[in-house]
Amino acid sequence: MTTAAPGAKLGGRIKEIAERAMPAVDLIVSGHSHFSYECTVNDPAGHRRLVTRADSFGRSFTDLRFDLNRAGDVVRGTVRATFRPVPVDTARQPAMAELVETWRARSEDVANRVVGHITADMPGRGSTLPETPLGSFLADAQVAAGKPQGADRLLADTVRIDGRPLSPDTTYKVALNEFLANGGNGFTVFGDITAREGGEVTDLDALVTRLETTTSATSPAAPPAPGRITFVAR
């Protein structure tokens, strides 16, 4: 048996993948949504299979231990998974520092490429405002990228579609980035939606295109003014 508990609370695309991946896959190490877990999901044959993911930014890792048979396959019954937090005072590892520096140097030209111009910083997580300038600018970029599929930004205090209030009995098309579409940031209901289309444009592509096509050295973009969102006290 694995050391992880059944993934009853696991949702989104990763659960669907774990449930559908062929039984020959004995262990799933996932990523992308930044949340850590060590749990089991039954494979198509009804057998428990470990699914794990570490925290973002190296805050933790999963210590995996398992046996291999003579053919080099994982012996599923021997799989052990342990959550390992990484304290902020952890010493730098020379080998990892060298690896990071290697790829930093290789990506320097791409990282330093100018794609747009702004009049002032647009803070996101570091903003003192609940409605962050960077979030608003990213929303505009993603709306622009989704225009061919009919995307638009909601401006009214009350959410309305074609002038009519939302109805719980109606199916709506929502344009959003892949992270949220997979249940990130607590939007777990999106992870349960399987009818999808598009996905060819990443959020980074949308941002770069927005900057390249709407800004210049002589016409930089200003941080979006707050006021799009009305916060209601609970």
Protein backbone atom coordinates (compact mmCIF):
# COMPACT_ATOMS: atom_id res chain seq x y z
CA MET A 1 0.00 0.00 0.00
CA THR A 2 1.06 3.60 -0.49
CA THR A 3 1.47 5.92 2.46
CA ALA A 4 -0.95 8.48 0.95
CA ALA A 5 -4.65 8.74 1.71
CA PRO A 6 -7.37 8.46 -0.96
CA GLY A 7 -7.76 11.69 -2.92
CA ALA A 8 -11.42 12.35 -2.14
CA LYS A 9 -10.86 16.12 -2.23
CA LEU A 10 -8.66 16.10 -5.33
CA GLY A 11 -10.36 17.78 -8.29
CA GLY A 12 -9.71 19.32 -11.67
CA ARG A 13 -7.89 17.97 -14.69
CA ILE A 14 -5.31 16.05 -12.67
CA LYS A 15 -7.98 13.83 -11.12
CA GLU A 16 -9.41 13.13 -14.56
CA ILE A 17 -5.94 12.30 -15.87
CA ALA A 18 -5.20 10.06 -12.88
CA GLU A 19 -8.47 8.18 -13.30
CA ARG A 20 -7.96 7.64 -17.05
CA ALA A 21 -4.22 6.98 -17.34
CA MET A 22 -3.55 3.35 -18.28
CA PRO A 23 -3.04 0.91 -15.38
CA ALA A 24 0.55 0.29 -16.55
CA VAL A 25 1.42 3.73 -15.08
CA ASP A 26 2.25 3.05 -11.43
CA LEU A 27 2.93 6.57 -10.17
CA ILE A 28 1.87 10.10 -11.23
CA VAL A 29 4.07 13.09 -10.38
CA SER A 30 2.13 16.17 -11.45
CA GLY A 31 2.68 19.92 -11.51
CA HIS A 32 1.35 23.28 -12.71
CA SER A 33 -1.30 24.35 -10.16
CA HIS A 34 1.18 25.12 -7.32
CA PHE A 35 -0.63 23.17 -4.57
CA SER A 36 1.00 20.19 -2.88
CA TYR A 37 -0.62 16.82 -2.21
CA GLU A 38 0.18 13.16 -1.74
CA CYS A 39 -2.88 11.01 -2.31
CA THR A 40 -4.20 8.02 -4.24
CA VAL A 41 -6.70 7.81 -7.09
CA ASN A 42 -8.05 4.55 -8.48
CA ASP A 43 -6.82 3.68 -11.97
CA PRO A 44 -9.18 2.28 -14.67
CA ALA A 45 -8.66 -1.20 -13.24
CA GLY A 46 -9.85 -0.04 -9.82
CA HIS A 47 -6.42 -0.16 -8.16
CA ARG A 48 -5.06 2.63 -5.98
CA ARG A 49 -2.29 4.69 -7.58
CA LEU A 50 -0.23 7.46 -5.97
CA VAL A 51 -0.64 11.02 -7.29
CA THR A 52 1.66 13.71 -5.96
CA ARG A 53 2.66 17.31 -6.53
CA ALA A 54 5.04 19.68 -4.72
CA ASP A 55 4.43 23.30 -3.74
CA SER A 56 5.41 26.13 -6.07
CA PHE A 57 8.71 28.03 -5.82
CA GLY A 58 10.50 25.13 -4.19
CA ARG A 59 8.65 25.49 -0.87
CA SER A 60 8.39 21.71 -0.57
CA PHE A 61 9.10 18.48 -2.38
CA THR A 62 7.82 14.93 -2.31
CA ASP A 63 10.27 12.31 -1.09
CA LEU A 64 9.41 9.24 -3.17
CA ARG A 65 10.72 5.75 -2.39
CA PHE A 66 9.84 2.58 -4.29
CA ASP A 67 11.24 -0.73 -5.49
CA LEU A 68 11.85 -1.77 -9.09
CA ASN A 69 11.37 -5.29 -10.37
CA ARG A 70 13.86 -7.07 -12.64
CA ALA A 71 12.21 -5.51 -15.70
CA GLY A 72 12.79 -2.01 -14.29
CA ASP A 73 9.11 -1.37 -13.54
CA VAL A 74 7.88 0.30 -10.36
CA VAL A 75 6.43 -2.14 -7.84
CA ARG A 76 3.31 -0.19 -6.98
CA GLY A 77 2.82 -1.78 -3.58
CA THR A 78 6.19 -0.45 -2.41
CA VAL A 79 5.60 3.22 -3.26
CA ARG A 80 6.08 5.59 -0.32
CA ALA A 81 5.53 9.34 -0.47
CA THR A 82 6.54 11.84 2.21
CA PHE A 83 5.90 15.58 2.17
CA ARG A 84 9.13 17.51 2.83
CA PRO A 85 8.92 21.28 3.50
CA VAL A 86 11.93 23.41 2.53
CA PRO A 87 12.71 26.03 5.25
CA VAL A 88 13.58 29.53 4.05
CA ASP A 89 17.00 29.25 5.72
CA THR A 90 17.94 26.16 3.71
CA ALA A 91 21.51 26.48 2.44
CA ARG A 92 22.00 27.00 -1.28
CA GLN A 93 22.95 23.85 -3.11
CA PRO A 94 25.99 24.45 -5.38
CA ALA A 95 24.85 21.98 -8.04
CA MET A 96 21.40 23.56 -8.24
CA ALA A 97 22.83 27.09 -8.25
CA GLU A 98 25.06 26.09 -11.17
CA LEU A 99 22.08 24.63 -13.05
CA VAL A 100 20.01 27.79 -12.50
CA GLU A 101 22.86 30.02 -13.66
CA THR A 102 23.35 27.89 -16.78
CA TRP A 103 19.74 28.33 -17.86
CA ARG A 104 19.66 31.97 -16.80
CA ALA A 105 22.55 32.65 -19.16
CA ARG A 106 20.94 30.65 -21.98
CA SER A 107 17.65 32.54 -21.64
CA GLU A 108 19.17 35.99 -21.17
CA ASP A 109 18.41 37.20 -24.71
CA VAL A 110 14.75 36.21 -24.40
CA ALA A 111 14.46 37.63 -20.87
CA ASN A 112 15.90 40.99 -21.91
CA ARG A 113 13.79 41.38 -25.06
CA VAL A 114 11.66 44.53 -24.92
CA VAL A 115 8.04 43.72 -25.75
CA GLY A 116 6.29 46.89 -24.58
CA HIS A 117 6.40 50.13 -22.65
CA ILE A 118 4.60 51.32 -19.48
CA THR A 119 4.51 54.62 -17.64
CA ALA A 120 4.86 53.11 -14.16
CA ASP A 121 5.17 49.81 -12.36
CA MET A 122 2.08 47.60 -12.37
CA PRO A 123 2.26 45.62 -9.13
CA GLY A 124 0.44 42.36 -8.75
CA ARG A 125 0.98 40.40 -5.56
CA GLY A 126 2.98 43.32 -4.13
CA SER A 127 0.15 45.78 -4.63
CA THR A 128 -1.48 47.46 -1.63
CA LEU A 129 -4.77 47.55 -3.55
CA PRO A 130 -7.17 44.57 -3.54
CA GLU A 131 -7.80 45.28 -7.23
CA THR A 132 -4.26 45.07 -8.58
CA PRO A 133 -3.10 47.07 -11.63
CA LEU A 134 -1.31 44.05 -13.07
CA GLY A 135 -4.41 41.90 -12.69
CA SER A 136 -6.50 44.43 -14.60
CA PHE A 137 -3.90 44.73 -17.35
CA LEU A 138 -3.67 40.95 -17.69
CA ALA A 139 -7.47 40.75 -17.85
CA ASP A 140 -7.48 43.22 -20.74
CA ALA A 141 -4.81 41.20 -22.54
CA GLN A 142 -6.71 37.95 -22.13
CA VAL A 143 -9.97 39.53 -23.23
CA ALA A 144 -8.24 40.80 -26.37
CA ALA A 145 -6.87 37.31 -27.04
CA GLY A 146 -10.30 35.78 -26.54
CA LYS A 147 -12.19 38.23 -28.74
CA PRO A 148 -12.30 35.79 -31.70
CA GLN A 149 -14.20 33.35 -29.45
CA GLY A 150 -16.57 36.07 -28.19
CA ALA A 151 -14.84 36.91 -24.90
CA ASP A 152 -15.54 40.20 -23.15
CA ARG A 153 -14.87 41.86 -19.83
CA LEU A 154 -17.73 42.34 -17.35
CA LEU A 155 -18.16 46.02 -16.56
CA ALA A 156 -21.51 46.22 -14.79
CA ASP A 157 -21.95 46.00 -11.01
CA THR A 158 -24.44 43.19 -11.60
CA VAL A 159 -23.26 40.46 -13.92
CA ARG A 160 -25.34 40.43 -17.09
CA ILE A 161 -25.00 38.63 -20.40
CA ASP A 162 -26.60 40.36 -23.40
CA GLY A 163 -28.43 42.62 -20.96
CA ARG A 164 -29.96 39.73 -19.03
CA PRO A 165 -29.02 38.59 -15.50
CA LEU A 166 -27.29 35.26 -15.05
CA SER A 167 -29.53 32.21 -14.91
CA PRO A 168 -28.51 29.00 -13.08
CA ASP A 169 -30.31 26.99 -15.78
CA THR A 170 -28.29 28.43 -18.67
CA THR A 171 -24.93 27.26 -20.03
CA TYR A 172 -22.36 30.03 -20.52
CA LYS A 173 -19.01 30.22 -22.26
CA VAL A 174 -16.23 31.63 -20.06
CA ALA A 175 -12.78 32.70 -21.25
CA LEU A 176 -10.04 32.26 -18.68
CA ASN A 177 -6.43 31.18 -18.39
CA GLU A 178 -5.41 27.56 -18.04
CA PHE A 179 -4.39 27.86 -14.39
CA LEU A 180 -7.88 28.95 -13.34
CA ALA A 181 -9.49 26.55 -15.81
CA ASN A 182 -7.80 23.69 -13.97
CA GLY A 183 -9.15 24.81 -10.58
CA GLY A 184 -6.30 27.06 -9.45
CA ASN A 185 -6.65 29.74 -6.74
CA GLY A 186 -9.64 27.95 -5.27
CA PHE A 187 -11.83 28.07 -8.41
CA THR A 188 -12.39 24.33 -8.16
CA VAL A 189 -15.67 24.36 -10.09
CA PHE A 190 -13.78 25.21 -13.29
CA GLY A 191 -11.72 22.05 -12.90
CA ASP A 192 -14.87 19.94 -13.22
CA ILE A 193 -15.75 21.35 -16.65
CA THR A 194 -14.70 19.05 -19.49
CA ALA A 195 -16.25 20.87 -22.48
CA ARG A 196 -13.39 23.12 -23.59
CA GLU A 197 -12.19 24.78 -26.75
CA GLY A 198 -9.30 26.98 -27.74
CA GLY A 199 -6.21 26.91 -25.56
CA GLU A 200 -3.78 27.71 -28.35
CA VAL A 201 -2.87 31.09 -26.81
CA THR A 202 -1.15 31.12 -23.42
CA ASP A 203 -1.59 33.94 -20.91
CA LEU A 204 2.02 34.96 -21.59
CA ASP A 205 1.35 35.09 -25.35
CA ALA A 206 -1.70 37.26 -24.69
CA LEU A 207 0.28 39.67 -22.51
CA VAL A 208 3.18 39.98 -24.95
CA THR A 209 0.83 40.53 -27.88
CA ARG A 210 -1.06 43.20 -25.93
CA LEU A 211 2.15 45.06 -25.12
CA GLU A 212 3.59 44.75 -28.61
CA THR A 213 0.46 45.91 -30.39
CA THR A 214 -0.82 48.67 -28.08
CA THR A 215 2.31 50.31 -26.62
CA SER A 216 5.47 52.00 -27.84
CA ALA A 217 8.30 54.14 -26.50
CA THR A 218 6.29 57.25 -27.37
CA SER A 219 2.93 55.82 -26.27
CA PRO A 220 3.45 53.71 -23.14
CA ALA A 221 0.58 52.07 -21.27
CA ALA A 222 -0.48 53.52 -17.93
CA PRO A 223 -1.45 51.23 -15.03
CA PRO A 224 -5.22 50.60 -15.17
CA ALA A 225 -7.15 52.71 -12.70
CA PRO A 226 -9.05 50.87 -9.94
CA GLY A 227 -12.83 50.82 -9.85
CA ARG A 228 -13.73 47.85 -12.01
CA ILE A 229 -14.52 45.70 -8.98
CA THR A 230 -16.92 46.62 -6.21
CA PHE A 231 -15.97 44.98 -2.91
CA VAL A 232 -18.91 44.21 -0.68
CA ALA A 233 -18.41 43.72 3.07
CA ARG A 234 -19.39 40.30 4.32
